[in-house]
Amino acid sequence: MRKHKNISADIESLSDTLFSEEPSPQTYAENSEKLRNIIKAVNSLKPRHREIFWLHAVAEMPFSEIADIMKITENSAKVIYFRAKNSLKKLLNANKDYYSDD
């Protein structure tokens, strides 16, 4: 598990790298491919997991607002987000040939 923890860090920092001031064309292409794979993996999550993941990770919405929107408790929103994040890590680890920098 320790050897794969860089994947979750990549998920969180990829947008910063992708949209940095002047990436080289090769770096941009590699990052674009990674981003497509991440989006594909996110879209393969269960609908509720996907929605909560997007609201928190991308829209940066607090769990309290997500809970109000989804009509669930804040704790449920956190649990679903945690499960979605773990599912996403598993999906990306399973397809790391497509995701890795090698």
PDB file of N, CA and C in Angstrom:
ATOM      1  N   MET A   1       0.823  -1.190   0.000  1.00  0.00           N
ATOM      2  CA  MET A   1       0.000   0.000   0.000  1.00  0.00           C
ATOM      3  C   MET A   1       0.870   1.257   0.000  1.00  0.00           C
ATOM      4  N   ARG A   2       2.013   1.190   0.696  1.00  0.00           N
ATOM      5  CA  ARG A   2       2.888   2.354   0.752  1.00  0.00           C
ATOM      6  C   ARG A   2       3.448   2.713  -0.613  1.00  0.00           C
ATOM      7  N   LYS A   3       3.739   1.701  -1.433  1.00  0.00           N
ATOM      8  CA  LYS A   3       4.335   2.001  -2.726  1.00  0.00           C
ATOM      9  C   LYS A   3       3.337   2.659  -3.687  1.00  0.00           C
ATOM     10  N   HIS A   4       2.028   2.586  -3.387  1.00  0.00           N
ATOM     11  CA  HIS A   4       1.025   3.180  -4.264  1.00  0.00           C
ATOM     12  C   HIS A   4       0.465   4.500  -3.739  1.00  0.00           C
ATOM     13  N   LYS A   5       0.968   4.996  -2.612  1.00  0.00           N
ATOM     14  CA  LYS A   5       0.391   6.214  -2.063  1.00  0.00           C
ATOM     15  C   LYS A   5       0.657   7.435  -2.936  1.00  0.00           C
ATOM     16  N   ASN A   6       1.650   7.369  -3.821  1.00  0.00           N
ATOM     17  CA  ASN A   6       1.902   8.512  -4.707  1.00  0.00           C
ATOM     18  C   ASN A   6       0.776   8.710  -5.713  1.00  0.00           C
ATOM     19  N   ILE A   7      -0.014   7.697  -5.987  1.00  0.00           N
ATOM     20  CA  ILE A   7      -1.130   7.837  -6.920  1.00  0.00           C
ATOM     21  C   ILE A   7      -2.161   8.810  -6.360  1.00  0.00           C
ATOM     22  N   SER A   8      -2.484   8.695  -5.075  1.00  0.00           N
ATOM     23  CA  SER A   8      -3.467   9.612  -4.504  1.00  0.00           C
ATOM     24  C   SER A   8      -2.926  11.027  -4.468  1.00  0.00           C
ATOM     25  N   ALA A   9      -1.632  11.186  -4.235  1.00  0.00           N
ATOM     26  CA  ALA A   9      -1.038  12.523  -4.269  1.00  0.00           C
ATOM     27  C   ALA A   9      -1.111  13.085  -5.677  1.00  0.00           C
ATOM     28  N   ASP A  10      -0.914  12.223  -6.689  1.00  0.00           N
ATOM     29  CA  ASP A  10      -0.998  12.668  -8.075  1.00  0.00           C
ATOM     30  C   ASP A  10      -2.401  13.141  -8.424  1.00  0.00           C
ATOM     31  N   ILE A  11      -3.415  12.459  -7.910  1.00  0.00           N
ATOM     32  CA  ILE A  11      -4.796  12.844  -8.186  1.00  0.00           C
ATOM     33  C   ILE A  11      -5.042  14.266  -7.708  1.00  0.00           C
ATOM     34  N   GLU A  12      -4.548  14.561  -6.507  1.00  0.00           N
ATOM     35  CA  GLU A  12      -4.803  15.862  -5.906  1.00  0.00           C
ATOM     36  C   GLU A  12      -3.969  16.972  -6.529  1.00  0.00           C
ATOM     37  N   SER A  13      -2.785  16.662  -7.051  1.00  0.00           N
ATOM     38  CA  SER A  13      -1.917  17.711  -7.579  1.00  0.00           C
ATOM     39  C   SER A  13      -1.872  17.770  -9.097  1.00  0.00           C
ATOM     40  N   LEU A  14      -2.576  16.868  -9.766  1.00  0.00           N
ATOM     41  CA  LEU A  14      -2.499  16.812 -11.220  1.00  0.00           C
ATOM     42  C   LEU A  14      -3.003  18.080 -11.881  1.00  0.00           C
ATOM     43  N   SER A  15      -4.082  18.650 -11.388  1.00  0.00           N
ATOM     44  CA  SER A  15      -4.611  19.850 -12.024  1.00  0.00           C
ATOM     45  C   SER A  15      -3.628  21.007 -11.920  1.00  0.00           C
ATOM     46  N   ASP A  16      -2.896  21.098 -10.801  1.00  0.00           N
ATOM     47  CA  ASP A  16      -1.882  22.143 -10.671  1.00  0.00           C
ATOM     48  C   ASP A  16      -0.788  21.964 -11.713  1.00  0.00           C
ATOM     49  N   THR A  17      -0.352  20.720 -11.888  1.00  0.00           N
ATOM     50  CA  THR A  17       0.691  20.428 -12.861  1.00  0.00           C
ATOM     51  C   THR A  17       0.185  20.639 -14.282  1.00  0.00           C
ATOM     52  N   LEU A  18      -1.019  20.168 -14.544  1.00  0.00           N
ATOM     53  CA  LEU A  18      -1.583  20.249 -15.891  1.00  0.00           C
ATOM     54  C   LEU A  18      -1.745  21.686 -16.345  1.00  0.00           C
ATOM     55  N   PHE A  19      -2.154  22.553 -15.438  1.00  0.00           N
ATOM     56  CA  PHE A  19      -2.430  23.931 -15.805  1.00  0.00           C
ATOM     57  C   PHE A  19      -1.366  24.894 -15.303  1.00  0.00           C
ATOM     58  N   SER A  20      -0.131  24.394 -15.106  1.00  0.00           N
ATOM     59  CA  SER A  20       0.949  25.288 -14.710  1.00  0.00           C
ATOM     60  C   SER A  20       1.224  26.254 -15.852  1.00  0.00           C
ATOM     61  N   GLU A  21       2.024  27.259 -15.585  1.00  0.00           N
ATOM     62  CA  GLU A  21       2.189  28.356 -16.542  1.00  0.00           C
ATOM     63  C   GLU A  21       2.578  27.902 -17.948  1.00  0.00           C
ATOM     64  N   GLU A  22       3.656  27.149 -18.081  1.00  0.00           N
ATOM     65  CA  GLU A  22       4.086  26.741 -19.410  1.00  0.00           C
ATOM     66  C   GLU A  22       4.611  25.311 -19.424  1.00  0.00           C
ATOM     67  N   PRO A  23       3.726  24.322 -19.400  1.00  0.00           N
ATOM     68  CA  PRO A  23       4.230  22.953 -19.480  1.00  0.00           C
ATOM     69  C   PRO A  23       4.724  22.664 -20.895  1.00  0.00           C
ATOM     70  N   SER A  24       5.702  21.788 -20.986  1.00  0.00           N
ATOM     71  CA  SER A  24       6.174  21.388 -22.306  1.00  0.00           C
ATOM     72  C   SER A  24       5.065  20.607 -22.996  1.00  0.00           C
ATOM     73  N   PRO A  25       5.089  20.551 -24.316  1.00  0.00           N
ATOM     74  CA  PRO A  25       4.050  19.792 -25.019  1.00  0.00           C
ATOM     75  C   PRO A  25       3.987  18.325 -24.576  1.00  0.00           C
ATOM     76  N   GLN A  26       5.154  17.722 -24.327  1.00  0.00           N
ATOM     77  CA  GLN A  26       5.182  16.328 -23.879  1.00  0.00           C
ATOM     78  C   GLN A  26       4.571  16.198 -22.493  1.00  0.00           C
ATOM     79  N   THR A  27       4.929  17.109 -21.584  1.00  0.00           N
ATOM     80  CA  THR A  27       4.374  17.078 -20.233  1.00  0.00           C
ATOM     81  C   THR A  27       2.873  17.297 -20.279  1.00  0.00           C
ATOM     82  N   TYR A  28       2.439  18.228 -21.093  1.00  0.00           N
ATOM     83  CA  TYR A  28       1.012  18.505 -21.230  1.00  0.00           C
ATOM     84  C   TYR A  28       0.267  17.275 -21.741  1.00  0.00           C
ATOM     85  N   ALA A  29       0.841  16.605 -22.746  1.00  0.00           N
ATOM     86  CA  ALA A  29       0.197  15.407 -23.306  1.00  0.00           C
ATOM     87  C   ALA A  29       0.125  14.285 -22.270  1.00  0.00           C
ATOM     88  N   GLU A  30       1.227  14.086 -21.531  1.00  0.00           N
ATOM     89  CA  GLU A  30       1.238  13.041 -20.509  1.00  0.00           C
ATOM     90  C   GLU A  30       0.215  13.341 -19.412  1.00  0.00           C
ATOM     91  N   ASN A  31       0.183  14.580 -18.972  1.00  0.00           N
ATOM     92  CA  ASN A  31      -0.756  14.962 -17.921  1.00  0.00           C
ATOM     93  C   ASN A  31      -2.196  14.906 -18.413  1.00  0.00           C
ATOM     94  N   SER A  32      -2.421  15.257 -19.658  1.00  0.00           N
ATOM     95  CA  SER A  32      -3.764  15.175 -20.226  1.00  0.00           C
ATOM     96  C   SER A  32      -4.248  13.731 -20.247  1.00  0.00           C
ATOM     97  N   GLU A  33      -3.360  12.816 -20.607  1.00  0.00           N
ATOM     98  CA  GLU A  33      -3.708  11.398 -20.624  1.00  0.00           C
ATOM     99  C   GLU A  33      -4.020  10.905 -19.212  1.00  0.00           C
ATOM    100  N   LYS A  34      -3.222  11.319 -18.240  1.00  0.00           N
ATOM    101  CA  LYS A  34      -3.482  10.949 -16.843  1.00  0.00           C
ATOM    102  C   LYS A  34      -4.841  11.484 -16.402  1.00  0.00           C
ATOM    103  N   LEU A  35      -5.107  12.727 -16.749  1.00  0.00           N
ATOM    104  CA  LEU A  35      -6.373  13.334 -16.362  1.00  0.00           C
ATOM    105  C   LEU A  35      -7.550  12.602 -16.991  1.00  0.00           C
ATOM    106  N   ARG A  36      -7.433  12.228 -18.256  1.00  0.00           N
ATOM    107  CA  ARG A  36      -8.493  11.456 -18.921  1.00  0.00           C
ATOM    108  C   ARG A  36      -8.731  10.129 -18.209  1.00  0.00           C
ATOM    109  N   ASN A  37      -7.646   9.466 -17.795  1.00  0.00           N
ATOM    110  CA  ASN A  37      -7.779   8.190 -17.090  1.00  0.00           C
ATOM    111  C   ASN A  37      -8.420   8.370 -15.726  1.00  0.00           C
ATOM    112  N   ILE A  38      -8.076   9.448 -15.037  1.00  0.00           N
ATOM    113  CA  ILE A  38      -8.681   9.717 -13.735  1.00  0.00           C
ATOM    114  C   ILE A  38     -10.170   9.999 -13.909  1.00  0.00           C
ATOM    115  N   ILE A  39     -10.519  10.818 -14.884  1.00  0.00           N
ATOM    116  CA  ILE A  39     -11.931  11.135 -15.132  1.00  0.00           C
ATOM    117  C   ILE A  39     -12.704   9.871 -15.510  1.00  0.00           C
ATOM    118  N   LYS A  40     -12.097   9.039 -16.334  1.00  0.00           N
ATOM    119  CA  LYS A  40     -12.734   7.778 -16.722  1.00  0.00           C
ATOM    120  C   LYS A  40     -12.972   6.904 -15.487  1.00  0.00           C
ATOM    121  N   ALA A  41     -11.983   6.838 -14.600  1.00  0.00           N
ATOM    122  CA  ALA A  41     -12.125   6.047 -13.371  1.00  0.00           C
ATOM    123  C   ALA A  41     -13.205   6.636 -12.473  1.00  0.00           C
ATOM    124  N   VAL A  42     -13.228   7.965 -12.322  1.00  0.00           N
ATOM    125  CA  VAL A  42     -14.255   8.609 -11.499  1.00  0.00           C
ATOM    126  C   VAL A  42     -15.632   8.343 -12.077  1.00  0.00           C
ATOM    127  N   ASN A  43     -15.765   8.429 -13.381  1.00  0.00           N
ATOM    128  CA  ASN A  43     -17.066   8.202 -14.018  1.00  0.00           C
ATOM    129  C   ASN A  43     -17.543   6.757 -13.912  1.00  0.00           C
ATOM    130  N   SER A  44     -16.631   5.844 -13.596  1.00  0.00           N
ATOM    131  CA  SER A  44     -17.035   4.447 -13.445  1.00  0.00           C
ATOM    132  C   SER A  44     -17.487   4.134 -12.010  1.00  0.00           C
ATOM    133  N   LEU A  45     -17.371   5.103 -11.106  1.00  0.00           N
ATOM    134  CA  LEU A  45     -17.841   4.906  -9.732  1.00  0.00           C
ATOM    135  C   LEU A  45     -19.369   4.844  -9.705  1.00  0.00           C
ATOM    136  N   LYS A  46     -19.908   4.332  -8.612  1.00  0.00           N
ATOM    137  CA  LYS A  46     -21.351   4.351  -8.415  1.00  0.00           C
ATOM    138  C   LYS A  46     -21.820   5.808  -8.489  1.00  0.00           C
ATOM    139  N   PRO A  47     -23.012   6.054  -9.023  1.00  0.00           N
ATOM    140  CA  PRO A  47     -23.477   7.438  -9.204  1.00  0.00           C
ATOM    141  C   PRO A  47     -23.400   8.302  -7.945  1.00  0.00           C
ATOM    142  N   ARG A  48     -23.829   7.791  -6.825  1.00  0.00           N
ATOM    143  CA  ARG A  48     -23.810   8.579  -5.586  1.00  0.00           C
ATOM    144  C   ARG A  48     -22.377   8.872  -5.146  1.00  0.00           C
ATOM    145  N   HIS A  49     -21.498   7.869  -5.267  1.00  0.00           N
ATOM    146  CA  HIS A  49     -20.091   8.057  -4.919  1.00  0.00           C
ATOM    147  C   HIS A  49     -19.448   9.087  -5.837  1.00  0.00           C
ATOM    148  N   ARG A  50     -19.751   8.967  -7.123  1.00  0.00           N
ATOM    149  CA  ARG A  50     -19.195   9.891  -8.113  1.00  0.00           C
ATOM    150  C   ARG A  50     -19.620  11.323  -7.817  1.00  0.00           C
ATOM    151  N   GLU A  51     -20.893  11.514  -7.540  1.00  0.00           N
ATOM    152  CA  GLU A  51     -21.406  12.866  -7.295  1.00  0.00           C
ATOM    153  C   GLU A  51     -20.764  13.491  -6.058  1.00  0.00           C
ATOM    154  N   ILE A  52     -20.687  12.725  -4.992  1.00  0.00           N
ATOM    155  CA  ILE A  52     -20.086  13.254  -3.767  1.00  0.00           C
ATOM    156  C   ILE A  52     -18.591  13.497  -3.962  1.00  0.00           C
ATOM    157  N   PHE A  53     -17.925  12.612  -4.692  1.00  0.00           N
ATOM    158  CA  PHE A  53     -16.498  12.823  -4.972  1.00  0.00           C
ATOM    159  C   PHE A  53     -16.282  14.120  -5.737  1.00  0.00           C
ATOM    160  N   TRP A  54     -17.062  14.341  -6.809  1.00  0.00           N
ATOM    161  CA  TRP A  54     -16.917  15.561  -7.609  1.00  0.00           C
ATOM    162  C   TRP A  54     -17.226  16.814  -6.778  1.00  0.00           C
ATOM    163  N   LEU A  55     -18.285  16.750  -5.980  1.00  0.00           N
ATOM    164  CA  LEU A  55     -18.656  17.927  -5.187  1.00  0.00           C
ATOM    165  C   LEU A  55     -17.574  18.300  -4.184  1.00  0.00           C
ATOM    166  N   HIS A  56     -16.945  17.300  -3.579  1.00  0.00           N
ATOM    167  CA  HIS A  56     -15.935  17.623  -2.571  1.00  0.00           C
ATOM    168  C   HIS A  56     -14.553  17.866  -3.197  1.00  0.00           C
ATOM    169  N   ALA A  57     -14.111  16.960  -4.058  1.00  0.00           N
ATOM    170  CA  ALA A  57     -12.751  17.038  -4.593  1.00  0.00           C
ATOM    171  C   ALA A  57     -12.587  18.117  -5.657  1.00  0.00           C
ATOM    172  N   VAL A  58     -13.579  18.288  -6.493  1.00  0.00           N
ATOM    173  CA  VAL A  58     -13.445  19.236  -7.606  1.00  0.00           C
ATOM    174  C   VAL A  58     -14.096  20.580  -7.269  1.00  0.00           C
ATOM    175  N   ALA A  59     -15.334  20.547  -6.799  1.00  0.00           N
ATOM    176  CA  ALA A  59     -16.032  21.790  -6.469  1.00  0.00           C
ATOM    177  C   ALA A  59     -15.610  22.342  -5.109  1.00  0.00           C
ATOM    178  N   GLU A  60     -14.826  21.544  -4.367  1.00  0.00           N
ATOM    179  CA  GLU A  60     -14.319  21.944  -3.048  1.00  0.00           C
ATOM    180  C   GLU A  60     -15.433  22.365  -2.092  1.00  0.00           C
ATOM    181  N   MET A  61     -16.539  21.658  -2.192  1.00  0.00           N
ATOM    182  CA  MET A  61     -17.681  21.929  -1.334  1.00  0.00           C
ATOM    183  C   MET A  61     -17.480  21.236   0.009  1.00  0.00           C
ATOM    184  N   PRO A  62     -17.803  21.910   1.110  1.00  0.00           N
ATOM    185  CA  PRO A  62     -17.681  21.256   2.418  1.00  0.00           C
ATOM    186  C   PRO A  62     -18.734  20.150   2.565  1.00  0.00           C
ATOM    187  N   PHE A  63     -18.421  19.184   3.411  1.00  0.00           N
ATOM    188  CA  PHE A  63     -19.328  18.049   3.601  1.00  0.00           C
ATOM    189  C   PHE A  63     -20.692  18.482   4.121  1.00  0.00           C
ATOM    190  N   SER A  64     -20.739  19.560   4.874  1.00  0.00           N
ATOM    191  CA  SER A  64     -22.035  20.024   5.387  1.00  0.00           C
ATOM    192  C   SER A  64     -22.957  20.439   4.240  1.00  0.00           C
ATOM    193  N   GLU A  65     -22.424  21.126   3.238  1.00  0.00           N
ATOM    194  CA  GLU A  65     -23.232  21.526   2.072  1.00  0.00           C
ATOM    195  C   GLU A  65     -23.608  20.313   1.229  1.00  0.00           C
ATOM    196  N   ILE A  66     -22.665  19.401   1.060  1.00  0.00           N
ATOM    197  CA  ILE A  66     -22.942  18.185   0.291  1.00  0.00           C
ATOM    198  C   ILE A  66     -24.070  17.404   0.961  1.00  0.00           C
ATOM    199  N   ALA A  67     -24.016  17.317   2.281  1.00  0.00           N
ATOM    200  CA  ALA A  67     -25.058  16.611   3.024  1.00  0.00           C
ATOM    201  C   ALA A  67     -26.425  17.253   2.802  1.00  0.00           C
ATOM    202  N   ASP A  68     -26.473  18.582   2.803  1.00  0.00           N
ATOM    203  CA  ASP A  68     -27.735  19.277   2.549  1.00  0.00           C
ATOM    204  C   ASP A  68     -28.255  18.993   1.144  1.00  0.00           C
ATOM    205  N   ILE A  69     -27.386  19.052   0.168  1.00  0.00           N
ATOM    206  CA  ILE A  69     -27.776  18.813  -1.229  1.00  0.00           C
ATOM    207  C   ILE A  69     -28.276  17.385  -1.423  1.00  0.00           C
ATOM    208  N   MET A  70     -27.538  16.423  -0.842  1.00  0.00           N
ATOM    209  CA  MET A  70     -27.859  15.011  -1.036  1.00  0.00           C
ATOM    210  C   MET A  70     -28.922  14.502  -0.068  1.00  0.00           C
ATOM    211  N   LYS A  71     -29.301  15.363   0.883  1.00  0.00           N
ATOM    212  CA  LYS A  71     -30.294  14.996   1.891  1.00  0.00           C
ATOM    213  C   LYS A  71     -29.848  13.773   2.698  1.00  0.00           C
ATOM    214  N   ILE A  72     -28.588  13.840   3.159  1.00  0.00           N
ATOM    215  CA  ILE A  72     -28.002  12.814   4.007  1.00  0.00           C
ATOM    216  C   ILE A  72     -27.282  13.524   5.152  1.00  0.00           C
ATOM    217  N   THR A  73     -26.785  12.755   6.102  1.00  0.00           N
ATOM    218  CA  THR A  73     -26.039  13.380   7.193  1.00  0.00           C
ATOM    219  C   THR A  73     -24.627  13.745   6.714  1.00  0.00           C
ATOM    220  N   GLU A  74     -24.020  14.658   7.429  1.00  0.00           N
ATOM    221  CA  GLU A  74     -22.648  15.055   7.092  1.00  0.00           C
ATOM    222  C   GLU A  74     -21.706  13.859   7.210  1.00  0.00           C
ATOM    223  N   ASN A  75     -21.915  13.040   8.234  1.00  0.00           N
ATOM    224  CA  ASN A  75     -21.078  11.862   8.420  1.00  0.00           C
ATOM    225  C   ASN A  75     -21.235  10.884   7.250  1.00  0.00           C
ATOM    226  N   SER A  76     -22.451  10.713   6.762  1.00  0.00           N
ATOM    227  CA  SER A  76     -22.677   9.847   5.602  1.00  0.00           C
ATOM    228  C   SER A  76     -21.943  10.371   4.377  1.00  0.00           C
ATOM    229  N   ALA A  77     -21.952  11.678   4.195  1.00  0.00           N
ATOM    230  CA  ALA A  77     -21.235  12.280   3.069  1.00  0.00           C
ATOM    231  C   ALA A  77     -19.741  11.987   3.172  1.00  0.00           C
ATOM    232  N   LYS A  78     -19.208  12.080   4.372  1.00  0.00           N
ATOM    233  CA  LYS A  78     -17.781  11.800   4.582  1.00  0.00           C
ATOM    234  C   LYS A  78     -17.464  10.340   4.300  1.00  0.00           C
ATOM    235  N   VAL A  79     -18.322   9.442   4.776  1.00  0.00           N
ATOM    236  CA  VAL A  79     -18.105   8.002   4.567  1.00  0.00           C
ATOM    237  C   VAL A  79     -18.171   7.667   3.083  1.00  0.00           C
ATOM    238  N   ILE A  80     -19.154   8.196   2.393  1.00  0.00           N
ATOM    239  CA  ILE A  80     -19.295   7.919   0.955  1.00  0.00           C
ATOM    240  C   ILE A  80     -18.099   8.476   0.188  1.00  0.00           C
ATOM    241  N   TYR A  81     -17.634   9.664   0.558  1.00  0.00           N
ATOM    242  CA  TYR A  81     -16.449  10.248  -0.083  1.00  0.00           C
ATOM    243  C   TYR A  81     -15.232   9.355   0.145  1.00  0.00           C
ATOM    244  N   PHE A  82     -15.052   8.899   1.383  1.00  0.00           N
ATOM    245  CA  PHE A  82     -13.929   8.022   1.713  1.00  0.00           C
ATOM    246  C   PHE A  82     -13.988   6.747   0.873  1.00  0.00           C
ATOM    247  N   ARG A  83     -15.164   6.151   0.765  1.00  0.00           N
ATOM    248  CA  ARG A  83     -15.327   4.930  -0.031  1.00  0.00           C
ATOM    249  C   ARG A  83     -15.069   5.197  -1.514  1.00  0.00           C
ATOM    250  N   ALA A  84     -15.554   6.324  -1.999  1.00  0.00           N
ATOM    251  CA  ALA A  84     -15.322   6.677  -3.402  1.00  0.00           C
ATOM    252  C   ALA A  84     -13.837   6.855  -3.669  1.00  0.00           C
ATOM    253  N   LYS A  85     -13.154   7.519  -2.754  1.00  0.00           N
ATOM    254  CA  LYS A  85     -11.716   7.750  -2.906  1.00  0.00           C
ATOM    255  C   LYS A  85     -10.959   6.419  -2.901  1.00  0.00           C
ATOM    256  N   ASN A  86     -11.345   5.498  -2.013  1.00  0.00           N
ATOM    257  CA  ASN A  86     -10.705   4.184  -1.979  1.00  0.00           C
ATOM    258  C   ASN A  86     -10.990   3.392  -3.249  1.00  0.00           C
ATOM    259  N   SER A  87     -12.216   3.453  -3.735  1.00  0.00           N
ATOM    260  CA  SER A  87     -12.559   2.768  -4.987  1.00  0.00           C
ATOM    261  C   SER A  87     -11.757   3.337  -6.140  1.00  0.00           C
ATOM    262  N   LEU A  88     -11.617   4.637  -6.146  1.00  0.00           N
ATOM    263  CA  LEU A  88     -10.850   5.300  -7.202  1.00  0.00           C
ATOM    264  C   LEU A  88      -9.389   4.866  -7.161  1.00  0.00           C
ATOM    265  N   LYS A  89      -8.815   4.789  -5.973  1.00  0.00           N
ATOM    266  CA  LYS A  89      -7.428   4.328  -5.842  1.00  0.00           C
ATOM    267  C   LYS A  89      -7.279   2.916  -6.370  1.00  0.00           C
ATOM    268  N   LYS A  90      -8.247   2.038  -6.038  1.00  0.00           N
ATOM    269  CA  LYS A  90      -8.190   0.657  -6.510  1.00  0.00           C
ATOM    270  C   LYS A  90      -8.274   0.598  -8.033  1.00  0.00           C
ATOM    271  N   LEU A  91      -9.181   1.388  -8.607  1.00  0.00           N
ATOM    272  CA  LEU A  91      -9.324   1.414 -10.061  1.00  0.00           C
ATOM    273  C   LEU A  91      -8.039   1.891 -10.735  1.00  0.00           C
ATOM    274  N   LEU A  92      -7.443   2.934 -10.182  1.00  0.00           N
ATOM    275  CA  LEU A  92      -6.220   3.473 -10.769  1.00  0.00           C
ATOM    276  C   LEU A  92      -5.047   2.526 -10.577  1.00  0.00           C
ATOM    277  N   ASN A  93      -4.982   1.858  -9.429  1.00  0.00           N
ATOM    278  CA  ASN A  93      -3.920   0.873  -9.201  1.00  0.00           C
ATOM    279  C   ASN A  93      -4.079  -0.314 -10.140  1.00  0.00           C
ATOM    280  N   ALA A  94      -5.315  -0.729 -10.387  1.00  0.00           N
ATOM    281  CA  ALA A  94      -5.577  -1.854 -11.287  1.00  0.00           C
ATOM    282  C   ALA A  94      -5.189  -1.517 -12.721  1.00  0.00           C
ATOM    283  N   ASN A  95      -5.268  -0.244 -13.068  1.00  0.00           N
ATOM    284  CA  ASN A  95      -4.946   0.192 -14.428  1.00  0.00           C
ATOM    285  C   ASN A  95      -3.703   1.055 -14.445  1.00  0.00           C
ATOM    286  N   LYS A  96      -2.756   0.791 -13.552  1.00  0.00           N
ATOM    287  CA  LYS A  96      -1.608   1.683 -13.449  1.00  0.00           C
ATOM    288  C   LYS A  96      -0.727   1.657 -14.697  1.00  0.00           C
ATOM    289  N   ASP A  97      -0.859   0.630 -15.556  1.00  0.00           N
ATOM    290  CA  ASP A  97      -0.124   0.654 -16.813  1.00  0.00           C
ATOM    291  C   ASP A  97      -0.517   1.865 -17.640  1.00  0.00           C
ATOM    292  N   TYR A  98      -1.788   2.227 -17.578  1.00  0.00           N
ATOM    293  CA  TYR A  98      -2.287   3.386 -18.315  1.00  0.00           C
ATOM    294  C   TYR A  98      -2.007   4.689 -17.579  1.00  0.00           C
ATOM    295  N   TYR A  99      -1.828   4.578 -16.266  1.00  0.00           N
ATOM    296  CA  TYR A  99      -1.715   5.781 -15.454  1.00  0.00           C
ATOM    297  C   TYR A  99      -0.273   6.156 -15.147  1.00  0.00           C
ATOM    298  N   SER A 100       0.618   5.177 -15.034  1.00  0.00           N
ATOM    299  CA  SER A 100       1.962   5.435 -14.526  1.00  0.00           C
ATOM    300  C   SER A 100       2.772   6.307 -15.468  1.00  0.00           C
ATOM    301  N   ASP A 101       3.875   6.831 -14.911  1.00  0.00           N
ATOM    302  CA  ASP A 101       4.774   7.696 -15.666  1.00  0.00           C
ATOM    303  C   ASP A 101       5.767   6.907 -16.503  1.00  0.00           C
ATOM    304  N   ASP A 102       5.787   5.582 -16.375  1.00  0.00           N
ATOM    305  CA  ASP A 102       6.779   4.753 -17.073  1.00  0.00           C
ATOM    306  C   ASP A 102       6.569   4.740 -18.558  1.00  0.00           C
TER     307      ASP A 102
END
